[in-house]
């Protein structure tokens, strides 16, 4: 096929002449080799995702400010640096980065990410050095979502709900030191004595608006608060059940007493049997 195509092009160039000359053969060979090399290069070169720009020499994929609403498909497997910042991405599917085993830098800042699928970040390779999730809409995340990654992580400027799960995550991740003070509690778990959620539904918790790291350094333990709240709730529940049992027992006893009194009064109201004269004389004389 290549020979026929080269022959046609050579005929067009030489006008069908000089095919037997040395110069013609050299030009013919050159055209054929060039076409073959181009075909093989087109097959070997990976395609760049739509709306993205790929720098093959640095294995960098640039998809910033591309109006993306989800992770693009077709990201080259050998990508080392992936830029997805300043888009409209809302969530990260579980299989989004499974094939990117060489990835070192992942930029996801300034999106609208409010949830992480279970295992979405667990499959990132051990070579990952930087994970940027800042300036998003994340409220909750757990250690299971991030797996065993030791990459330097940015989580600031998210509306975090501070609780035991987030505290355990912070203690596990390798947070970038310069950004930890930007992890602010927009709301927090309610501790003992903060009132009822039903009485004050608009309350965001005692620690809302404060940096999480400073709260932990000052001795606040959200896991302890959560356990205390759970213990108090269990005690209250047990007390309510115990009180209901006592009320039922008292009610049952009183009902039985009332029933017994009614039965006794009924027996008293019955006429007593009268003795006949014969029976009375017999009893008095002893016969």
C-alpha atoms as a PDB file:
ATOM      1  CA  UNK A   1       0.000   0.000   0.000  1.00  0.00           C
ATOM      2  CA  UNK A   2       2.824   2.355   0.885  1.00  0.00           C
ATOM      3  CA  UNK A   3       4.656   1.486  -2.339  1.00  0.00           C
ATOM      4  CA  UNK A   4       1.610   2.215  -4.451  1.00  0.00           C
ATOM      5  CA  UNK A   5       0.981   5.536  -2.683  1.00  0.00           C
ATOM      6  CA  UNK A   6       4.647   6.541  -3.072  1.00  0.00           C
ATOM      7  CA  UNK A   7       4.553   5.592  -6.711  1.00  0.00           C
ATOM      8  CA  UNK A   8       1.521   7.764  -7.330  1.00  0.00           C
ATOM      9  CA  UNK A   9       3.133  10.741  -5.597  1.00  0.00           C
ATOM     10  CA  UNK A  10       6.394  10.189  -7.475  1.00  0.00           C
ATOM     11  CA  UNK A  11       4.475  10.077 -10.759  1.00  0.00           C
ATOM     12  CA  UNK A  12       2.772  13.358  -9.870  1.00  0.00           C
ATOM     13  CA  UNK A  13       6.090  14.993  -8.986  1.00  0.00           C
ATOM     14  CA  UNK A  14       8.208  13.697 -11.881  1.00  0.00           C
ATOM     15  CA  UNK A  15       5.477  13.669 -14.465  1.00  0.00           C
ATOM     16  CA  UNK A  16       6.096   9.988 -14.981  1.00  0.00           C
ATOM     17  CA  UNK A  17       9.709  10.540 -16.053  1.00  0.00           C
ATOM     18  CA  UNK A  18      13.069   9.665 -14.602  1.00  0.00           C
ATOM     19  CA  UNK A  19      11.892   6.671 -12.645  1.00  0.00           C
ATOM     20  CA  UNK A  20      14.918   4.719 -13.772  1.00  0.00           C
ATOM     21  CA  UNK A  21      17.468   7.398 -12.895  1.00  0.00           C
ATOM     22  CA  UNK A  22      19.378   7.394  -9.619  1.00  0.00           C
ATOM     23  CA  UNK A  23      18.009  10.759  -8.650  1.00  0.00           C
ATOM     24  CA  UNK A  24      14.493   9.495  -9.223  1.00  0.00           C
ATOM     25  CA  UNK A  25      15.092   6.452  -7.079  1.00  0.00           C
ATOM     26  CA  UNK A  26      16.520   8.556  -4.237  1.00  0.00           C
ATOM     27  CA  UNK A  27      13.551  10.899  -4.289  1.00  0.00           C
ATOM     28  CA  UNK A  28      11.178   7.955  -4.522  1.00  0.00           C
ATOM     29  CA  UNK A  29      12.786   6.252  -1.498  1.00  0.00           C
ATOM     30  CA  UNK A  30      12.766   9.486   0.473  1.00  0.00           C
ATOM     31  CA  UNK A  31       9.050  10.027  -0.132  1.00  0.00           C
ATOM     32  CA  UNK A  32       8.208   6.454   0.826  1.00  0.00           C
ATOM     33  CA  UNK A  33      10.232   6.524   4.043  1.00  0.00           C
ATOM     34  CA  UNK A  34       8.735   9.914   4.983  1.00  0.00           C
ATOM     35  CA  UNK A  35       5.192   8.679   4.489  1.00  0.00           C
ATOM     36  CA  UNK A  36       5.867   5.505   6.477  1.00  0.00           C
ATOM     37  CA  UNK A  37       7.464   7.476   9.351  1.00  0.00           C
ATOM     38  CA  UNK A  38       4.530   9.893   9.432  1.00  0.00           C
ATOM     39  CA  UNK A  39       2.024   7.033   9.613  1.00  0.00           C
ATOM     40  CA  UNK A  40       3.882   5.316  12.445  1.00  0.00           C
ATOM     41  CA  UNK A  41       4.316   8.602  14.380  1.00  0.00           C
ATOM     42  CA  UNK A  42       0.597   9.357  14.107  1.00  0.00           C
ATOM     43  CA  UNK A  43      -0.202   5.957  15.589  1.00  0.00           C
ATOM     44  CA  UNK A  44       2.359   6.241  18.418  1.00  0.00           C
ATOM     45  CA  UNK A  45       1.606   9.814  19.503  1.00  0.00           C
ATOM     46  CA  UNK A  46      -1.244   9.925  22.114  1.00  0.00           C
ATOM     47  CA  UNK A  47      -4.159  12.241  21.590  1.00  0.00           C
ATOM     48  CA  UNK A  48      -4.742  15.291  23.766  1.00  0.00           C
ATOM     49  CA  UNK A  49      -8.199  15.643  25.398  1.00  0.00           C
ATOM     50  CA  UNK A  50     -10.602  18.160  23.933  1.00  0.00           C
ATOM     51  CA  UNK A  51     -10.314  21.693  25.359  1.00  0.00           C
ATOM     52  CA  UNK A  52      -6.847  20.880  26.704  1.00  0.00           C
ATOM     53  CA  UNK A  53      -3.294  21.608  25.617  1.00  0.00           C
ATOM     54  CA  UNK A  54      -0.588  18.961  25.945  1.00  0.00           C
ATOM     55  CA  UNK A  55       3.123  19.675  26.275  1.00  0.00           C
ATOM     56  CA  UNK A  56       4.615  16.332  25.276  1.00  0.00           C
ATOM     57  CA  UNK A  57       8.183  17.229  26.211  1.00  0.00           C
ATOM     58  CA  UNK A  58       7.235  17.767  29.890  1.00  0.00           C
ATOM     59  CA  UNK A  59       4.269  15.349  29.991  1.00  0.00           C
ATOM     60  CA  UNK A  60       2.025  18.210  31.136  1.00  0.00           C
ATOM     61  CA  UNK A  61      -1.692  18.436  30.344  1.00  0.00           C
ATOM     62  CA  UNK A  62      -3.183  21.940  30.662  1.00  0.00           C
ATOM     63  CA  UNK A  63      -6.990  22.059  31.005  1.00  0.00           C
ATOM     64  CA  UNK A  64      -7.241  25.269  33.052  1.00  0.00           C
ATOM     65  CA  UNK A  65     -10.089  27.732  32.357  1.00  0.00           C
ATOM     66  CA  UNK A  66     -11.563  25.328  29.820  1.00  0.00           C
ATOM     67  CA  UNK A  67     -15.184  25.443  31.039  1.00  0.00           C
ATOM     68  CA  UNK A  68     -15.054  21.763  32.028  1.00  0.00           C
ATOM     69  CA  UNK A  69     -17.874  20.322  34.139  1.00  0.00           C
ATOM     70  CA  UNK A  70     -16.269  16.915  34.656  1.00  0.00           C
ATOM     71  CA  UNK A  71     -12.875  15.238  34.464  1.00  0.00           C
ATOM     72  CA  UNK A  72     -12.033  14.963  30.737  1.00  0.00           C
ATOM     73  CA  UNK A  73     -11.590  11.576  29.129  1.00  0.00           C
ATOM     74  CA  UNK A  74      -8.536  10.511  27.204  1.00  0.00           C
ATOM     75  CA  UNK A  75      -5.864  11.963  29.483  1.00  0.00           C
ATOM     76  CA  UNK A  76      -2.536  10.421  28.310  1.00  0.00           C
ATOM     77  CA  UNK A  77      -1.369   7.646  30.679  1.00  0.00           C
ATOM     78  CA  UNK A  78       2.144   9.110  30.892  1.00  0.00           C
ATOM     79  CA  UNK A  79       0.932  12.470  32.202  1.00  0.00           C
ATOM     80  CA  UNK A  80       3.130  13.818  34.983  1.00  0.00           C
ATOM     81  CA  UNK A  81       1.434  17.165  35.676  1.00  0.00           C
ATOM     82  CA  UNK A  82      -2.332  17.681  35.257  1.00  0.00           C
ATOM     83  CA  UNK A  83      -3.898  21.141  35.502  1.00  0.00           C
ATOM     84  CA  UNK A  84      -7.702  21.179  35.946  1.00  0.00           C
ATOM     85  CA  UNK A  85      -8.029  24.356  37.989  1.00  0.00           C
ATOM     86  CA  UNK A  86     -10.609  27.119  37.392  1.00  0.00           C
ATOM     87  CA  UNK A  87     -13.343  24.985  35.861  1.00  0.00           C
ATOM     88  CA  UNK A  88     -16.846  23.919  36.939  1.00  0.00           C
ATOM     89  CA  UNK A  89     -16.112  20.357  38.074  1.00  0.00           C
ATOM     90  CA  UNK A  90     -18.453  19.224  40.870  1.00  0.00           C
ATOM     91  CA  UNK A  91     -17.314  15.708  41.744  1.00  0.00           C
ATOM     92  CA  UNK A  92     -14.491  13.278  41.100  1.00  0.00           C
ATOM     93  CA  UNK A  93     -15.540   9.808  39.886  1.00  0.00           C
ATOM     94  CA  UNK A  94     -13.838   6.776  41.369  1.00  0.00           C
ATOM     95  CA  UNK A  95     -12.071   5.809  38.133  1.00  0.00           C
ATOM     96  CA  UNK A  96     -11.015   9.328  37.087  1.00  0.00           C
ATOM     97  CA  UNK A  97      -7.272   8.852  37.712  1.00  0.00           C
ATOM     98  CA  UNK A  98      -6.856   5.078  37.765  1.00  0.00           C
ATOM     99  CA  UNK A  99      -4.575   4.980  34.711  1.00  0.00           C
ATOM    100  CA  UNK A 100      -2.372   7.946  35.681  1.00  0.00           C
ATOM    101  CA  UNK A 101       0.305   5.965  37.494  1.00  0.00           C
ATOM    102  CA  UNK A 102       3.053   8.504  36.693  1.00  0.00           C
ATOM    103  CA  UNK A 103       1.153  11.554  37.952  1.00  0.00           C
ATOM    104  CA  UNK A 104       3.122  13.845  40.275  1.00  0.00           C
ATOM    105  CA  UNK A 105       1.143  17.085  40.372  1.00  0.00           C
ATOM    106  CA  UNK A 106      -2.661  17.306  40.360  1.00  0.00           C
ATOM    107  CA  UNK A 107      -4.268  20.761  40.384  1.00  0.00           C
ATOM    108  CA  UNK A 108      -8.019  20.850  41.093  1.00  0.00           C
ATOM    109  CA  UNK A 109      -8.345  24.248  42.774  1.00  0.00           C
ATOM    110  CA  UNK A 110     -11.049  26.850  42.022  1.00  0.00           C
ATOM    111  CA  UNK A 111     -13.699  24.337  40.990  1.00  0.00           C
ATOM    112  CA  UNK A 112     -17.051  23.447  42.549  1.00  0.00           C
ATOM    113  CA  UNK A 113     -16.108  20.060  43.953  1.00  0.00           C
ATOM    114  CA  UNK A 114     -18.457  19.198  46.823  1.00  0.00           C
ATOM    115  CA  UNK A 115     -17.978  15.433  46.992  1.00  0.00           C
ATOM    116  CA  UNK A 116     -15.307  12.804  46.458  1.00  0.00           C
ATOM    117  CA  UNK A 117     -16.376   9.382  45.272  1.00  0.00           C
ATOM    118  CA  UNK A 118     -15.170   6.583  47.490  1.00  0.00           C
ATOM    119  CA  UNK A 119     -11.678   5.703  46.302  1.00  0.00           C
ATOM    120  CA  UNK A 120     -11.433   8.590  43.824  1.00  0.00           C
ATOM    121  CA  UNK A 121      -7.987   9.579  45.138  1.00  0.00           C
ATOM    122  CA  UNK A 122      -6.877   6.238  46.533  1.00  0.00           C
ATOM    123  CA  UNK A 123      -5.647   5.019  43.148  1.00  0.00           C
ATOM    124  CA  UNK A 124      -3.187   7.841  42.621  1.00  0.00           C
ATOM    125  CA  UNK A 125       0.330   6.514  42.331  1.00  0.00           C
ATOM    126  CA  UNK A 126       3.006   6.742  45.033  1.00  0.00           C
ATOM    127  CA  UNK A 127       4.879   9.349  42.954  1.00  0.00           C
ATOM    128  CA  UNK A 128       2.226  12.005  43.593  1.00  0.00           C
ATOM    129  CA  UNK A 129       3.901  15.058  45.142  1.00  0.00           C
ATOM    130  CA  UNK A 130       1.165  17.718  45.139  1.00  0.00           C
ATOM    131  CA  UNK A 131      -2.621  17.515  45.452  1.00  0.00           C
ATOM    132  CA  UNK A 132      -4.415  20.858  45.289  1.00  0.00           C
ATOM    133  CA  UNK A 133      -8.115  20.826  46.297  1.00  0.00           C
ATOM    134  CA  UNK A 134      -8.273  24.381  47.582  1.00  0.00           C
ATOM    135  CA  UNK A 135     -11.066  26.843  46.733  1.00  0.00           C
ATOM    136  CA  UNK A 136     -13.805  24.248  46.322  1.00  0.00           C
ATOM    137  CA  UNK A 137     -17.075  23.347  48.094  1.00  0.00           C
ATOM    138  CA  UNK A 138     -15.925  20.399  50.202  1.00  0.00           C
ATOM    139  CA  UNK A 139     -17.656  20.032  53.564  1.00  0.00           C
ATOM    140  CA  UNK A 140     -16.717  16.492  54.560  1.00  0.00           C
ATOM    141  CA  UNK A 141     -14.006  13.984  53.686  1.00  0.00           C
ATOM    142  CA  UNK A 142     -12.518  10.896  55.298  1.00  0.00           C
ATOM    143  CA  UNK A 143      -9.239   9.021  55.364  1.00  0.00           C
ATOM    144  CA  UNK A 144     -10.725   6.361  53.103  1.00  0.00           C
ATOM    145  CA  UNK A 145     -11.276   8.953  50.366  1.00  0.00           C
ATOM    146  CA  UNK A 146      -7.565   9.815  50.204  1.00  0.00           C
ATOM    147  CA  UNK A 147      -6.102   6.388  50.805  1.00  0.00           C
ATOM    148  CA  UNK A 148      -2.397   6.230  51.653  1.00  0.00           C
ATOM    149  CA  UNK A 149      -1.227   9.248  49.649  1.00  0.00           C
ATOM    150  CA  UNK A 150       1.674  11.188  51.149  1.00  0.00           C
ATOM    151  CA  UNK A 151       1.497  14.046  48.650  1.00  0.00           C
ATOM    152  CA  UNK A 152       1.601  17.603  49.923  1.00  0.00           C
ATOM    153  CA  UNK A 153      -2.078  18.499  50.136  1.00  0.00           C
ATOM    154  CA  UNK A 154      -3.937  21.813  49.964  1.00  0.00           C
ATOM    155  CA  UNK A 155      -7.428  21.903  51.473  1.00  0.00           C
ATOM    156  CA  UNK A 156      -7.873  25.557  52.410  1.00  0.00           C
ATOM    157  CA  UNK A 157     -10.849  27.721  51.379  1.00  0.00           C
ATOM    158  CA  UNK A 158     -13.473  24.989  51.634  1.00  0.00           C
ATOM    159  CA  UNK A 159     -16.633  25.214  53.788  1.00  0.00           C
ATOM    160  CA  UNK A 160     -15.533  22.437  56.151  1.00  0.00           C
ATOM    161  CA  UNK A 161     -17.764  20.895  58.802  1.00  0.00           C
ATOM    162  CA  UNK A 162     -15.374  20.160  61.661  1.00  0.00           C
ATOM    163  CA  UNK A 163     -16.024  16.837  63.332  1.00  0.00           C
ATOM    164  CA  UNK A 164     -14.178  13.688  64.357  1.00  0.00           C
ATOM    165  CA  UNK A 165     -13.902  12.404  60.771  1.00  0.00           C
ATOM    166  CA  UNK A 166     -12.246  15.597  59.548  1.00  0.00           C
ATOM    167  CA  UNK A 167      -9.941  15.679  62.569  1.00  0.00           C
ATOM    168  CA  UNK A 168      -8.726  12.149  61.808  1.00  0.00           C
ATOM    169  CA  UNK A 169      -8.169  13.128  58.171  1.00  0.00           C
ATOM    170  CA  UNK A 170      -6.108  16.181  59.140  1.00  0.00           C
ATOM    171  CA  UNK A 171      -3.928  14.023  61.364  1.00  0.00           C
ATOM    172  CA  UNK A 172      -3.286  11.633  58.459  1.00  0.00           C
ATOM    173  CA  UNK A 173      -2.609  13.915  55.481  1.00  0.00           C
ATOM    174  CA  UNK A 174       0.641  15.683  54.663  1.00  0.00           C
ATOM    175  CA  UNK A 175      -0.804  19.196  54.655  1.00  0.00           C
ATOM    176  CA  UNK A 176       1.117  22.061  53.117  1.00  0.00           C
ATOM    177  CA  UNK A 177       2.309  24.095  56.150  1.00  0.00           C
ATOM    178  CA  UNK A 178       1.710  27.466  54.501  1.00  0.00           C
ATOM    179  CA  UNK A 179      -1.987  26.745  53.970  1.00  0.00           C
ATOM    180  CA  UNK A 180      -3.150  24.935  57.116  1.00  0.00           C
ATOM    181  CA  UNK A 181      -4.464  28.118  58.754  1.00  0.00           C
ATOM    182  CA  UNK A 182      -6.829  28.516  55.816  1.00  0.00           C
ATOM    183  CA  UNK A 183      -8.749  25.375  56.801  1.00  0.00           C
ATOM    184  CA  UNK A 184     -11.647  27.091  58.585  1.00  0.00           C
ATOM    185  CA  UNK A 185     -14.609  25.467  60.318  1.00  0.00           C
ATOM    186  CA  UNK A 186     -17.718  26.864  58.662  1.00  0.00           C
ATOM    187  CA  UNK A 187     -19.684  24.668  61.061  1.00  0.00           C
ATOM    188  CA  UNK A 188     -18.729  22.184  63.752  1.00  0.00           C
ATOM    189  CA  UNK A 189     -20.082  19.246  65.668  1.00  0.00           C
ATOM    190  CA  UNK A 190     -22.116  20.352  68.678  1.00  0.00           C
ATOM    191  CA  UNK A 191     -20.657  19.571  72.065  1.00  0.00           C
ATOM    192  CA  UNK A 192     -22.423  18.847  75.340  1.00  0.00           C
ATOM    193  CA  UNK A 193     -24.203  21.931  76.647  1.00  0.00           C
ATOM    194  CA  UNK A 194     -24.624  23.658  73.290  1.00  0.00           C
ATOM    195  CA  UNK A 195     -28.367  23.135  73.283  1.00  0.00           C
ATOM    196  CA  UNK A 196     -30.567  21.137  71.017  1.00  0.00           C
ATOM    197  CA  UNK A 197     -30.527  21.169  67.241  1.00  0.00           C
ATOM    198  CA  UNK A 198     -34.317  21.374  67.281  1.00  0.00           C
ATOM    199  CA  UNK A 199     -34.255  24.407  69.565  1.00  0.00           C
ATOM    200  CA  UNK A 200     -31.601  26.256  67.552  1.00  0.00           C
ATOM    201  CA  UNK A 201     -31.526  24.972  63.960  1.00  0.00           C
ATOM    202  CA  UNK A 202     -29.576  27.982  62.686  1.00  0.00           C
ATOM    203  CA  UNK A 203     -26.599  27.472  64.977  1.00  0.00           C
ATOM    204  CA  UNK A 204     -23.355  26.404  63.286  1.00  0.00           C
ATOM    205  CA  UNK A 205     -21.679  25.182  66.443  1.00  0.00           C
ATOM    206  CA  UNK A 206     -19.398  26.703  69.026  1.00  0.00           C
ATOM    207  CA  UNK A 207     -16.251  26.535  66.853  1.00  0.00           C
ATOM    208  CA  UNK A 208     -17.629  27.940  63.592  1.00  0.00           C
ATOM    209  CA  UNK A 209     -15.355  30.466  61.901  1.00  0.00           C
ATOM    210  CA  UNK A 210     -12.152  29.276  63.602  1.00  0.00           C
ATOM    211  CA  UNK A 211      -9.098  27.593  62.025  1.00  0.00           C
ATOM    212  CA  UNK A 212      -9.167  23.859  62.612  1.00  0.00           C
ATOM    213  CA  UNK A 213      -5.448  23.578  63.337  1.00  0.00           C
ATOM    214  CA  UNK A 214      -5.592  26.231  66.076  1.00  0.00           C
ATOM    215  CA  UNK A 215      -8.574  24.495  67.674  1.00  0.00           C
ATOM    216  CA  UNK A 216      -6.717  21.184  67.752  1.00  0.00           C
ATOM    217  CA  UNK A 217      -3.599  22.872  69.133  1.00  0.00           C
ATOM    218  CA  UNK A 218      -5.669  24.461  71.916  1.00  0.00           C
ATOM    219  CA  UNK A 219      -6.857  21.052  73.063  1.00  0.00           C
ATOM    220  CA  UNK A 220     -10.232  20.767  71.338  1.00  0.00           C
ATOM    221  CA  UNK A 221     -10.963  17.142  70.524  1.00  0.00           C
ATOM    222  CA  UNK A 222     -13.925  16.689  68.205  1.00  0.00           C
ATOM    223  CA  UNK A 223     -13.777  12.919  68.603  1.00  0.00           C
ATOM    224  CA  UNK A 224     -14.121  13.334  72.380  1.00  0.00           C
ATOM    225  CA  UNK A 225     -16.979  15.800  71.932  1.00  0.00           C
ATOM    226  CA  UNK A 226     -18.711  13.418  69.598  1.00  0.00           C
ATOM    227  CA  UNK A 227     -18.316  10.497  72.003  1.00  0.00           C
ATOM    228  CA  UNK A 228     -19.600  12.594  74.917  1.00  0.00           C
ATOM    229  CA  UNK A 229     -22.584  13.711  72.892  1.00  0.00           C
ATOM    230  CA  UNK A 230     -23.282  10.107  71.930  1.00  0.00           C
ATOM    231  CA  UNK A 231     -22.966   8.950  75.551  1.00  0.00           C
ATOM    232  CA  UNK A 232     -25.329  11.655  76.770  1.00  0.00           C
ATOM    233  CA  UNK A 233     -27.818  10.756  74.038  1.00  0.00           C
ATOM    234  CA  UNK A 234     -27.646   7.093  75.075  1.00  0.00           C
ATOM    235  CA  UNK A 235     -28.164   7.993  78.739  1.00  0.00           C
ATOM    236  CA  UNK A 236     -31.138  10.173  77.890  1.00  0.00           C
ATOM    237  CA  UNK A 237     -32.609   7.406  75.758  1.00  0.00           C
ATOM    238  CA  UNK A 238     -32.134   4.833  78.523  1.00  0.00           C
ATOM    239  CA  UNK A 239     -33.700   7.179  81.084  1.00  0.00           C
ATOM    240  CA  UNK A 240     -36.728   7.750  78.858  1.00  0.00           C
ATOM    241  CA  UNK A 241     -37.217   4.021  78.357  1.00  0.00           C
ATOM    242  CA  UNK A 242     -36.795   3.358  82.065  1.00  0.00           C
ATOM    243  CA  UNK A 243     -39.315   6.066  82.908  1.00  0.00           C
ATOM    244  CA  UNK A 244     -41.795   4.596  80.423  1.00  0.00           C
ATOM    245  CA  UNK A 245     -41.390   1.135  81.981  1.00  0.00           C
ATOM    246  CA  UNK A 246     -41.977   2.537  85.473  1.00  0.00           C
ATOM    247  CA  UNK A 247     -45.070   4.412  84.304  1.00  0.00           C
ATOM    248  CA  UNK A 248     -46.427   1.257  82.686  1.00  0.00           C
ATOM    249  CA  UNK A 249     -45.814  -0.850  85.802  1.00  0.00           C
ATOM    250  CA  UNK A 250     -47.538   1.726  88.054  1.00  0.00           C
ATOM    251  CA  UNK A 251     -50.463   1.933  85.645  1.00  0.00           C
ATOM    252  CA  UNK A 252     -50.731  -1.864  85.507  1.00  0.00           C
ATOM    253  CA  UNK A 253     -50.675  -2.210  89.333  1.00  0.00           C
ATOM    254  CA  UNK A 254     -53.316   0.466  89.788  1.00  0.00           C
ATOM    255  CA  UNK A 255     -55.543  -1.121  87.177  1.00  0.00           C
ATOM    256  CA  UNK A 256     -55.289  -4.473  88.956  1.00  0.00           C
ATOM    257  CA  UNK A 257     -56.055  -2.843  92.330  1.00  0.00           C
ATOM    258  CA  UNK A 258     -59.081  -1.097  90.908  1.00  0.00           C
ATOM    259  CA  UNK A 259     -60.282  -4.345  89.345  1.00  0.00           C
ATOM    260  CA  UNK A 260     -59.810  -6.194  92.635  1.00  0.00           C
ATOM    261  CA  UNK A 261     -61.792  -3.546  94.545  1.00  0.00           C
ATOM    262  CA  UNK A 262     -64.637  -3.751  92.052  1.00  0.00           C
ATOM    263  CA  UNK A 263     -64.704  -7.507  92.352  1.00  0.00           C
ATOM    264  CA  UNK A 264     -64.744  -7.336  96.164  1.00  0.00           C
ATOM    265  CA  UNK A 265     -67.564  -4.819  96.207  1.00  0.00           C
ATOM    266  CA  UNK A 266     -69.519  -7.035  93.847  1.00  0.00           C
ATOM    267  CA  UNK A 267     -69.092  -9.999  96.196  1.00  0.00           C
ATOM    268  CA  UNK A 268     -70.248  -7.912  99.165  1.00  0.00           C
ATOM    269  CA  UNK A 269     -73.305  -6.801  97.280  1.00  0.00           C
ATOM    270  CA  UNK A 270     -74.497 -10.416  96.823  1.00  0.00           C
ATOM    271  CA  UNK A 271     -77.257 -11.573  99.357  1.00  0.00           C
ATOM    272  CA  UNK A 272     -75.974 -14.002 102.001  1.00  0.00           C
ATOM    273  CA  UNK A 273     -77.719 -17.511 102.115  1.00  0.00           C
ATOM    274  CA  UNK A 274     -80.434 -17.946 104.872  1.00  0.00           C
ATOM    275  CA  UNK A 275     -80.569 -21.007 107.186  1.00  0.00           C
ATOM    276  CA  UNK A 276     -83.808 -23.109 107.481  1.00  0.00           C
ATOM    277  CA  UNK A 277     -85.401 -23.737 110.999  1.00  0.00           C
ATOM    278  CA  UNK A 278     -84.647 -27.453 110.889  1.00  0.00           C
ATOM    279  CA  UNK A 279     -81.010 -26.805 110.270  1.00  0.00           C
ATOM    280  CA  UNK A 280     -80.938 -24.243 113.100  1.00  0.00           C
ATOM    281  CA  UNK A 281     -82.579 -26.633 115.639  1.00  0.00           C
ATOM    282  CA  UNK A 282     -80.304 -29.429 114.695  1.00  0.00           C
ATOM    283  CA  UNK A 283     -77.287 -27.285 115.216  1.00  0.00           C
ATOM    284  CA  UNK A 284     -78.529 -25.994 118.597  1.00  0.00           C
ATOM    285  CA  UNK A 285     -79.473 -29.445 120.060  1.00  0.00           C
ATOM    286  CA  UNK A 286     -76.553 -31.273 118.641  1.00  0.00           C
ATOM    287  CA  UNK A 287     -78.807 -33.823 116.795  1.00  0.00           C
END
